[in-house]
Amino acid sequence: AQIAKKTCKRTYFALLEGNLKTDSGRVATDIGRHP
């Protein structure tokens, strides 16, 4: 229920390829199976 209600918080670290332009931001999209 905590995960469903987003009260359980999860933080990750990742090494990305290239130089990300912005210092911070939010990505909000729909995600589903690749067509």
ModelCIF file with pLDDT and N, C-alpha, C, O atoms, coordinates in Angstrom:
data_MODEL
#
_entry.id   MODEL 
#
_entity.id                         1 
_entity.type                       polymer 
_entity.pdbx_number_of_molecules   1 
#
_entity_poly.entity_id                      1 
_entity_poly.type                           'polypeptide(L)' 
_entity_poly.nstd_linkage                   no 
_entity_poly.nstd_monomer                   no 
_entity_poly.pdbx_seq_one_letter_code       AQIAKKTCKRTYFALLEGNLKTDSGRVATDIGRHP 
_entity_poly.pdbx_seq_one_letter_code_can   AQIAKKTCKRTYFALLEGNLKTDSGRVATDIGRHP 
_entity_poly.pdbx_strand_id                 A 
#
loop_
_entity_poly_seq.entity_id 
_entity_poly_seq.num 
_entity_poly_seq.mon_id 
_entity_poly_seq.hetero 
1 1  ALA n 
1 2  GLN n 
1 3  ILE n 
1 4  ALA n 
1 5  LYS n 
1 6  LYS n 
1 7  THR n 
1 8  CYS n 
1 9  LYS n 
1 10 ARG n 
1 11 THR n 
1 12 TYR n 
1 13 PHE n 
1 14 ALA n 
1 15 LEU n 
1 16 LEU n 
1 17 GLU n 
1 18 GLY n 
1 19 ASN n 
1 20 LEU n 
1 21 LYS n 
1 22 THR n 
1 23 ASP n 
1 24 SER n 
1 25 GLY n 
1 26 ARG n 
1 27 VAL n 
1 28 ALA n 
1 29 THR n 
1 30 ASP n 
1 31 ILE n 
1 32 GLY n 
1 33 ARG n 
1 34 HIS n 
1 35 PRO n 
#
_struct_asym.id          A 
_struct_asym.entity_id   1 
#
loop_
_ma_qa_metric.id 
_ma_qa_metric.mode 
_ma_qa_metric.name 
_ma_qa_metric.software_group_id 
_ma_qa_metric.type 
1 global pLDDT . pLDDT 
2 local  pLDDT . pLDDT 
#
_ma_qa_metric_global.metric_id      1 
_ma_qa_metric_global.metric_value   93.86 
_ma_qa_metric_global.model_id       1 
_ma_qa_metric_global.ordinal_id     1 
#
loop_
_ma_qa_metric_local.label_asym_id 
_ma_qa_metric_local.label_comp_id 
_ma_qa_metric_local.label_seq_id 
_ma_qa_metric_local.metric_id 
_ma_qa_metric_local.metric_value 
_ma_qa_metric_local.model_id 
_ma_qa_metric_local.ordinal_id 
A ALA 1  2 88.00 1 1  
A GLN 2  2 91.00 1 2  
A ILE 3  2 88.00 1 3  
A ALA 4  2 84.00 1 4  
A LYS 5  2 87.00 1 5  
A LYS 6  2 89.00 1 6  
A THR 7  2 93.00 1 7  
A CYS 8  2 95.00 1 8  
A LYS 9  2 96.00 1 9  
A ARG 10 2 96.00 1 10 
A THR 11 2 97.00 1 11 
A TYR 12 2 98.00 1 12 
A PHE 13 2 98.00 1 13 
A ALA 14 2 98.00 1 14 
A LEU 15 2 98.00 1 15 
A LEU 16 2 98.00 1 16 
A GLU 17 2 97.00 1 17 
A GLY 18 2 96.00 1 18 
A ASN 19 2 96.00 1 19 
A LEU 20 2 95.00 1 20 
A LYS 21 2 92.00 1 21 
A THR 22 2 96.00 1 22 
A ASP 23 2 96.00 1 23 
A SER 24 2 97.00 1 24 
A GLY 25 2 97.00 1 25 
A ARG 26 2 97.00 1 26 
A VAL 27 2 97.00 1 27 
A ALA 28 2 96.00 1 28 
A THR 29 2 96.00 1 29 
A ASP 30 2 94.00 1 30 
A ILE 31 2 94.00 1 31 
A GLY 32 2 90.00 1 32 
A ARG 33 2 87.00 1 33 
A HIS 34 2 90.00 1 34 
A PRO 35 2 88.00 1 35 
#
loop_
_atom_site.group_PDB 
_atom_site.id 
_atom_site.type_symbol 
_atom_site.label_atom_id 
_atom_site.label_alt_id 
_atom_site.label_comp_id 
_atom_site.label_asym_id 
_atom_site.label_entity_id 
_atom_site.label_seq_id 
_atom_site.pdbx_PDB_ins_code 
_atom_site.Cartn_x 
_atom_site.Cartn_y 
_atom_site.Cartn_z 
_atom_site.occupancy 
_atom_site.B_iso_or_equiv 
_atom_site.pdbx_formal_charge 
_atom_site.auth_seq_id 
_atom_site.auth_comp_id 
_atom_site.auth_asym_id 
_atom_site.auth_atom_id 
_atom_site.pdbx_PDB_model_num 
ATOM 1   N N  . ALA A 1 1  ? 0.832  -1.205 0.000   1.00 88.00 ? 1  ALA A N  1 
ATOM 2   C CA . ALA A 1 1  ? 0.000  0.000  0.000   1.00 88.00 ? 1  ALA A CA 1 
ATOM 3   C C  . ALA A 1 1  ? 0.868  1.257  0.000   1.00 88.00 ? 1  ALA A C  1 
ATOM 4   O O  . ALA A 1 1  ? 0.517  2.247  -0.642  1.00 88.00 ? 1  ALA A O  1 
ATOM 5   N N  . GLN A 1 2  ? 1.996  1.229  0.711   1.00 91.00 ? 2  GLN A N  1 
ATOM 6   C CA . GLN A 1 2  ? 2.900  2.382  0.730   1.00 91.00 ? 2  GLN A CA 1 
ATOM 7   C C  . GLN A 1 2  ? 3.480  2.648  -0.658  1.00 91.00 ? 2  GLN A C  1 
ATOM 8   O O  . GLN A 1 2  ? 3.613  3.799  -1.074  1.00 91.00 ? 2  GLN A O  1 
ATOM 9   N N  . ILE A 1 3  ? 3.818  1.590  -1.358  1.00 88.00 ? 3  ILE A N  1 
ATOM 10  C CA . ILE A 1 3  ? 4.339  1.758  -2.714  1.00 88.00 ? 3  ILE A CA 1 
ATOM 11  C C  . ILE A 1 3  ? 3.246  2.286  -3.630  1.00 88.00 ? 3  ILE A C  1 
ATOM 12  O O  . ILE A 1 3  ? 3.492  3.169  -4.451  1.00 88.00 ? 3  ILE A O  1 
ATOM 13  N N  . ALA A 1 4  ? 2.034  1.745  -3.491  1.00 84.00 ? 4  ALA A N  1 
ATOM 14  C CA . ALA A 1 4  ? 0.922  2.192  -4.336  1.00 84.00 ? 4  ALA A CA 1 
ATOM 15  C C  . ALA A 1 4  ? 0.571  3.652  -4.071  1.00 84.00 ? 4  ALA A C  1 
ATOM 16  O O  . ALA A 1 4  ? 0.231  4.390  -4.996  1.00 84.00 ? 4  ALA A O  1 
ATOM 17  N N  . LYS A 1 5  ? 0.653  4.067  -2.804  1.00 87.00 ? 5  LYS A N  1 
ATOM 18  C CA . LYS A 1 5  ? 0.306  5.442  -2.431  1.00 87.00 ? 5  LYS A CA 1 
ATOM 19  C C  . LYS A 1 5  ? 1.498  6.396  -2.558  1.00 87.00 ? 5  LYS A C  1 
ATOM 20  O O  . LYS A 1 5  ? 1.380  7.595  -2.305  1.00 87.00 ? 5  LYS A O  1 
ATOM 21  N N  . LYS A 1 6  ? 2.649  5.837  -2.956  1.00 89.00 ? 6  LYS A N  1 
ATOM 22  C CA . LYS A 1 6  ? 3.868  6.626  -3.185  1.00 89.00 ? 6  LYS A CA 1 
ATOM 23  C C  . LYS A 1 6  ? 4.420  7.239  -1.902  1.00 89.00 ? 6  LYS A C  1 
ATOM 24  O O  . LYS A 1 6  ? 5.082  8.276  -1.941  1.00 89.00 ? 6  LYS A O  1 
ATOM 25  N N  . THR A 1 7  ? 4.149  6.599  -0.771  1.00 93.00 ? 7  THR A N  1 
ATOM 26  C CA . THR A 1 7  ? 4.741  7.056  0.487   1.00 93.00 ? 7  THR A CA 1 
ATOM 27  C C  . THR A 1 7  ? 6.035  6.310  0.790   1.00 93.00 ? 7  THR A C  1 
ATOM 28  O O  . THR A 1 7  ? 6.810  6.731  1.649   1.00 93.00 ? 7  THR A O  1 
ATOM 29  N N  . CYS A 1 8  ? 6.269  5.206  0.090   1.00 95.00 ? 8  CYS A N  1 
ATOM 30  C CA . CYS A 1 8  ? 7.554  4.512  0.161   1.00 95.00 ? 8  CYS A CA 1 
ATOM 31  C C  . CYS A 1 8  ? 8.458  5.147  -0.892  1.00 95.00 ? 8  CYS A C  1 
ATOM 32  O O  . CYS A 1 8  ? 8.155  5.095  -2.084  1.00 95.00 ? 8  CYS A O  1 
ATOM 33  N N  . LYS A 1 9  ? 9.559  5.742  -0.460  1.00 96.00 ? 9  LYS A N  1 
ATOM 34  C CA . LYS A 1 9  ? 10.416 6.516  -1.359  1.00 96.00 ? 9  LYS A CA 1 
ATOM 35  C C  . LYS A 1 9  ? 11.654 5.714  -1.754  1.00 96.00 ? 9  LYS A C  1 
ATOM 36  O O  . LYS A 1 9  ? 12.329 5.127  -0.908  1.00 96.00 ? 9  LYS A O  1 
ATOM 37  N N  . ARG A 1 10 ? 11.939 5.700  -3.068  1.00 96.00 ? 10 ARG A N  1 
ATOM 38  C CA . ARG A 1 10 ? 13.082 4.950  -3.587  1.00 96.00 ? 10 ARG A CA 1 
ATOM 39  C C  . ARG A 1 10 ? 13.982 5.869  -4.419  1.00 96.00 ? 10 ARG A C  1 
ATOM 40  O O  . ARG A 1 10 ? 13.528 6.543  -5.344  1.00 96.00 ? 10 ARG A O  1 
ATOM 41  N N  . THR A 1 11 ? 15.255 5.875  -4.065  1.00 97.00 ? 11 THR A N  1 
ATOM 42  C CA . THR A 1 11 ? 16.233 6.722  -4.748  1.00 97.00 ? 11 THR A CA 1 
ATOM 43  C C  . THR A 1 11 ? 17.310 5.850  -5.384  1.00 97.00 ? 11 THR A C  1 
ATOM 44  O O  . THR A 1 11 ? 17.839 4.936  -4.751  1.00 97.00 ? 11 THR A O  1 
ATOM 45  N N  . TYR A 1 12 ? 17.625 6.142  -6.635  1.00 98.00 ? 12 TYR A N  1 
ATOM 46  C CA . TYR A 1 12 ? 18.619 5.390  -7.398  1.00 98.00 ? 12 TYR A CA 1 
ATOM 47  C C  . TYR A 1 12 ? 19.750 6.309  -7.847  1.00 98.00 ? 12 TYR A C  1 
ATOM 48  O O  . TYR A 1 12 ? 19.588 7.527  -7.919  1.00 98.00 ? 12 TYR A O  1 
ATOM 49  N N  . PHE A 1 13 ? 20.892 5.707  -8.146  1.00 98.00 ? 13 PHE A N  1 
ATOM 50  C CA . PHE A 1 13 ? 21.966 6.407  -8.846  1.00 98.00 ? 13 PHE A CA 1 
ATOM 51  C C  . PHE A 1 13 ? 22.258 5.665  -10.145 1.00 98.00 ? 13 PHE A C  1 
ATOM 52  O O  . PHE A 1 13 ? 22.225 4.435  -10.194 1.00 98.00 ? 13 PHE A O  1 
ATOM 53  N N  . ALA A 1 14 ? 22.542 6.424  -11.184 1.00 98.00 ? 14 ALA A N  1 
ATOM 54  C CA . ALA A 1 14 ? 22.860 5.824  -12.476 1.00 98.00 ? 14 ALA A CA 1 
ATOM 55  C C  . ALA A 1 14 ? 23.925 6.653  -13.166 1.00 98.00 ? 14 ALA A C  1 
ATOM 56  O O  . ALA A 1 14 ? 23.967 7.876  -13.029 1.00 98.00 ? 14 ALA A O  1 
ATOM 57  N N  . LEU A 1 15 ? 24.778 5.978  -13.904 1.00 98.00 ? 15 LEU A N  1 
ATOM 58  C CA . LEU A 1 15 ? 25.740 6.659  -14.765 1.00 98.00 ? 15 LEU A CA 1 
ATOM 59  C C  . LEU A 1 15 ? 25.139 6.683  -16.164 1.00 98.00 ? 15 LEU A C  1 
ATOM 60  O O  . LEU A 1 15 ? 24.867 5.634  -16.748 1.00 98.00 ? 15 LEU A O  1 
ATOM 61  N N  . LEU A 1 16 ? 24.933 7.880  -16.696 1.00 98.00 ? 16 LEU A N  1 
ATOM 62  C CA . LEU A 1 16 ? 24.317 8.035  -18.011 1.00 98.00 ? 16 LEU A CA 1 
ATOM 63  C C  . LEU A 1 16 ? 25.364 8.302  -19.074 1.00 98.00 ? 16 LEU A C  1 
ATOM 64  O O  . LEU A 1 16 ? 26.424 8.863  -18.796 1.00 98.00 ? 16 LEU A O  1 
ATOM 65  N N  . GLU A 1 17 ? 25.057 7.899  -20.284 1.00 97.00 ? 17 GLU A N  1 
ATOM 66  C CA . GLU A 1 17 ? 25.916 8.212  -21.417 1.00 97.00 ? 17 GLU A CA 1 
ATOM 67  C C  . GLU A 1 17 ? 25.723 9.674  -21.805 1.00 97.00 ? 17 GLU A C  1 
ATOM 68  O O  . GLU A 1 17 ? 24.597 10.172 -21.809 1.00 97.00 ? 17 GLU A O  1 
ATOM 69  N N  . GLY A 1 18 ? 26.814 10.364 -22.130 1.00 96.00 ? 18 GLY A N  1 
ATOM 70  C CA . GLY A 1 18 ? 26.734 11.745 -22.595 1.00 96.00 ? 18 GLY A CA 1 
ATOM 71  C C  . GLY A 1 18 ? 26.588 12.755 -21.468 1.00 96.00 ? 18 GLY A C  1 
ATOM 72  O O  . GLY A 1 18 ? 26.602 12.410 -20.286 1.00 96.00 ? 18 GLY A O  1 
ATOM 73  N N  . ASN A 1 19 ? 26.446 14.016 -21.873 1.00 96.00 ? 19 ASN A N  1 
ATOM 74  C CA . ASN A 1 19 ? 26.367 15.142 -20.939 1.00 96.00 ? 19 ASN A CA 1 
ATOM 75  C C  . ASN A 1 19 ? 24.937 15.671 -20.901 1.00 96.00 ? 19 ASN A C  1 
ATOM 76  O O  . ASN A 1 19 ? 24.494 16.367 -21.815 1.00 96.00 ? 19 ASN A O  1 
ATOM 77  N N  . LEU A 1 20 ? 24.224 15.329 -19.829 1.00 95.00 ? 20 LEU A N  1 
ATOM 78  C CA . LEU A 1 20 ? 22.832 15.751 -19.670 1.00 95.00 ? 20 LEU A CA 1 
ATOM 79  C C  . LEU A 1 20 ? 22.770 17.272 -19.573 1.00 95.00 ? 20 LEU A C  1 
ATOM 80  O O  . LEU A 1 20 ? 23.490 17.872 -18.776 1.00 95.00 ? 20 LEU A O  1 
ATOM 81  N N  . LYS A 1 21 ? 21.922 17.891 -20.371 1.00 92.00 ? 21 LYS A N  1 
ATOM 82  C CA . LYS A 1 21 ? 21.919 19.348 -20.487 1.00 92.00 ? 21 LYS A CA 1 
ATOM 83  C C  . LYS A 1 21 ? 21.443 20.045 -19.216 1.00 92.00 ? 21 LYS A C  1 
ATOM 84  O O  . LYS A 1 21 ? 22.054 21.025 -18.788 1.00 92.00 ? 21 LYS A O  1 
ATOM 85  N N  . THR A 1 22 ? 20.381 19.564 -18.617 1.00 96.00 ? 22 THR A N  1 
ATOM 86  C CA . THR A 1 22 ? 19.802 20.243 -17.453 1.00 96.00 ? 22 THR A CA 1 
ATOM 87  C C  . THR A 1 22 ? 20.331 19.643 -16.157 1.00 96.00 ? 22 THR A C  1 
ATOM 88  O O  . THR A 1 22 ? 20.673 18.461 -16.109 1.00 96.00 ? 22 THR A O  1 
ATOM 89  N N  . ASP A 1 23 ? 20.397 20.458 -15.104 1.00 96.00 ? 23 ASP A N  1 
ATOM 90  C CA . ASP A 1 23 ? 20.910 19.987 -13.815 1.00 96.00 ? 23 ASP A CA 1 
ATOM 91  C C  . ASP A 1 23 ? 19.890 19.157 -13.048 1.00 96.00 ? 23 ASP A C  1 
ATOM 92  O O  . ASP A 1 23 ? 20.261 18.320 -12.225 1.00 96.00 ? 23 ASP A O  1 
ATOM 93  N N  . SER A 1 24 ? 18.628 19.383 -13.310 1.00 97.00 ? 24 SER A N  1 
ATOM 94  C CA . SER A 1 24 ? 17.581 18.628 -12.627 1.00 97.00 ? 24 SER A CA 1 
ATOM 95  C C  . SER A 1 24 ? 16.292 18.755 -13.431 1.00 97.00 ? 24 SER A C  1 
ATOM 96  O O  . SER A 1 24 ? 16.178 19.602 -14.317 1.00 97.00 ? 24 SER A O  1 
ATOM 97  N N  . GLY A 1 25 ? 15.334 17.910 -13.110 1.00 97.00 ? 25 GLY A N  1 
ATOM 98  C CA . GLY A 1 25 ? 14.067 17.989 -13.821 1.00 97.00 ? 25 GLY A CA 1 
ATOM 99  C C  . GLY A 1 25 ? 13.178 16.809 -13.499 1.00 97.00 ? 25 GLY A C  1 
ATOM 100 O O  . GLY A 1 25 ? 13.503 15.975 -12.654 1.00 97.00 ? 25 GLY A O  1 
ATOM 101 N N  . ARG A 1 26 ? 12.072 16.752 -14.172 1.00 97.00 ? 26 ARG A N  1 
ATOM 102 C CA . ARG A 1 26 ? 11.103 15.670 -14.012 1.00 97.00 ? 26 ARG A CA 1 
ATOM 103 C C  . ARG A 1 26 ? 10.713 15.136 -15.385 1.00 97.00 ? 26 ARG A C  1 
ATOM 104 O O  . ARG A 1 26 ? 10.461 15.905 -16.313 1.00 97.00 ? 26 ARG A O  1 
ATOM 105 N N  . VAL A 1 27 ? 10.665 13.816 -15.505 1.00 97.00 ? 27 VAL A N  1 
ATOM 106 C CA . VAL A 1 27 ? 10.173 13.166 -16.713 1.00 97.00 ? 27 VAL A CA 1 
ATOM 107 C C  . VAL A 1 27 ? 8.834  12.530 -16.372 1.00 97.00 ? 27 VAL A C  1 
ATOM 108 O O  . VAL A 1 27 ? 8.753  11.694 -15.471 1.00 97.00 ? 27 VAL A O  1 
ATOM 109 N N  . ALA A 1 28 ? 7.790  12.917 -17.082 1.00 96.00 ? 28 ALA A N  1 
ATOM 110 C CA . ALA A 1 28 ? 6.455  12.352 -16.860 1.00 96.00 ? 28 ALA A CA 1 
ATOM 111 C C  . ALA A 1 28 ? 5.897  11.921 -18.212 1.00 96.00 ? 28 ALA A C  1 
ATOM 112 O O  . ALA A 1 28 ? 5.572  12.758 -19.054 1.00 96.00 ? 28 ALA A O  1 
ATOM 113 N N  . THR A 1 29 ? 5.790  10.625 -18.410 1.00 96.00 ? 29 THR A N  1 
ATOM 114 C CA . THR A 1 29 ? 5.303  10.084 -19.680 1.00 96.00 ? 29 THR A CA 1 
ATOM 115 C C  . THR A 1 29 ? 4.441  8.853  -19.412 1.00 96.00 ? 29 THR A C  1 
ATOM 116 O O  . THR A 1 29 ? 4.390  8.349  -18.290 1.00 96.00 ? 29 THR A O  1 
ATOM 117 N N  . ASP A 1 30 ? 3.780  8.387  -20.436 1.00 94.00 ? 30 ASP A N  1 
ATOM 118 C CA . ASP A 1 30 ? 3.173  7.070  -20.387 1.00 94.00 ? 30 ASP A CA 1 
ATOM 119 C C  . ASP A 1 30 ? 4.233  6.046  -20.795 1.00 94.00 ? 30 ASP A C  1 
ATOM 120 O O  . ASP A 1 30 ? 5.016  6.281  -21.715 1.00 94.00 ? 30 ASP A O  1 
ATOM 121 N N  . ILE A 1 31 ? 4.246  4.920  -20.106 1.00 94.00 ? 31 ILE A N  1 
ATOM 122 C CA . ILE A 1 31 ? 5.150  3.827  -20.441 1.00 94.00 ? 31 ILE A CA 1 
ATOM 123 C C  . ILE A 1 31 ? 4.336  2.558  -20.630 1.00 94.00 ? 31 ILE A C  1 
ATOM 124 O O  . ILE A 1 31 ? 3.401  2.288  -19.878 1.00 94.00 ? 31 ILE A O  1 
ATOM 125 N N  . GLY A 1 32 ? 4.703  1.779  -21.648 1.00 90.00 ? 32 GLY A N  1 
ATOM 126 C CA . GLY A 1 32 ? 4.043  0.504  -21.898 1.00 90.00 ? 32 GLY A CA 1 
ATOM 127 C C  . GLY A 1 32 ? 4.943  -0.378 -22.745 1.00 90.00 ? 32 GLY A C  1 
ATOM 128 O O  . GLY A 1 32 ? 6.088  -0.020 -23.021 1.00 90.00 ? 32 GLY A O  1 
ATOM 129 N N  . ARG A 1 33 ? 4.436  -1.514 -23.152 1.00 87.00 ? 33 ARG A N  1 
ATOM 130 C CA . ARG A 1 33 ? 5.216  -2.423 -23.993 1.00 87.00 ? 33 ARG A CA 1 
ATOM 131 C C  . ARG A 1 33 ? 5.571  -1.762 -25.320 1.00 87.00 ? 33 ARG A C  1 
ATOM 132 O O  . ARG A 1 33 ? 4.759  -1.053 -25.915 1.00 87.00 ? 33 ARG A O  1 
ATOM 133 N N  . HIS A 1 34 ? 6.781  -2.005 -25.765 1.00 90.00 ? 34 HIS A N  1 
ATOM 134 C CA . HIS A 1 34 ? 7.241  -1.492 -27.052 1.00 90.00 ? 34 HIS A CA 1 
ATOM 135 C C  . HIS A 1 34 ? 6.328  -2.045 -28.149 1.00 90.00 ? 34 HIS A C  1 
ATOM 136 O O  . HIS A 1 34 ? 5.993  -3.229 -28.122 1.00 90.00 ? 34 HIS A O  1 
ATOM 137 N N  . PRO A 1 35 ? 5.922  -1.223 -29.101 1.00 88.00 ? 35 PRO A N  1 
ATOM 138 C CA . PRO A 1 35 ? 4.962  -1.677 -30.117 1.00 88.00 ? 35 PRO A CA 1 
ATOM 139 C C  . PRO A 1 35 ? 5.461  -2.802 -31.014 1.00 88.00 ? 35 PRO A C  1 
ATOM 140 O O  . PRO A 1 35 ? 4.734  -3.256 -31.898 1.00 88.00 ? 35 PRO A O  1 
#
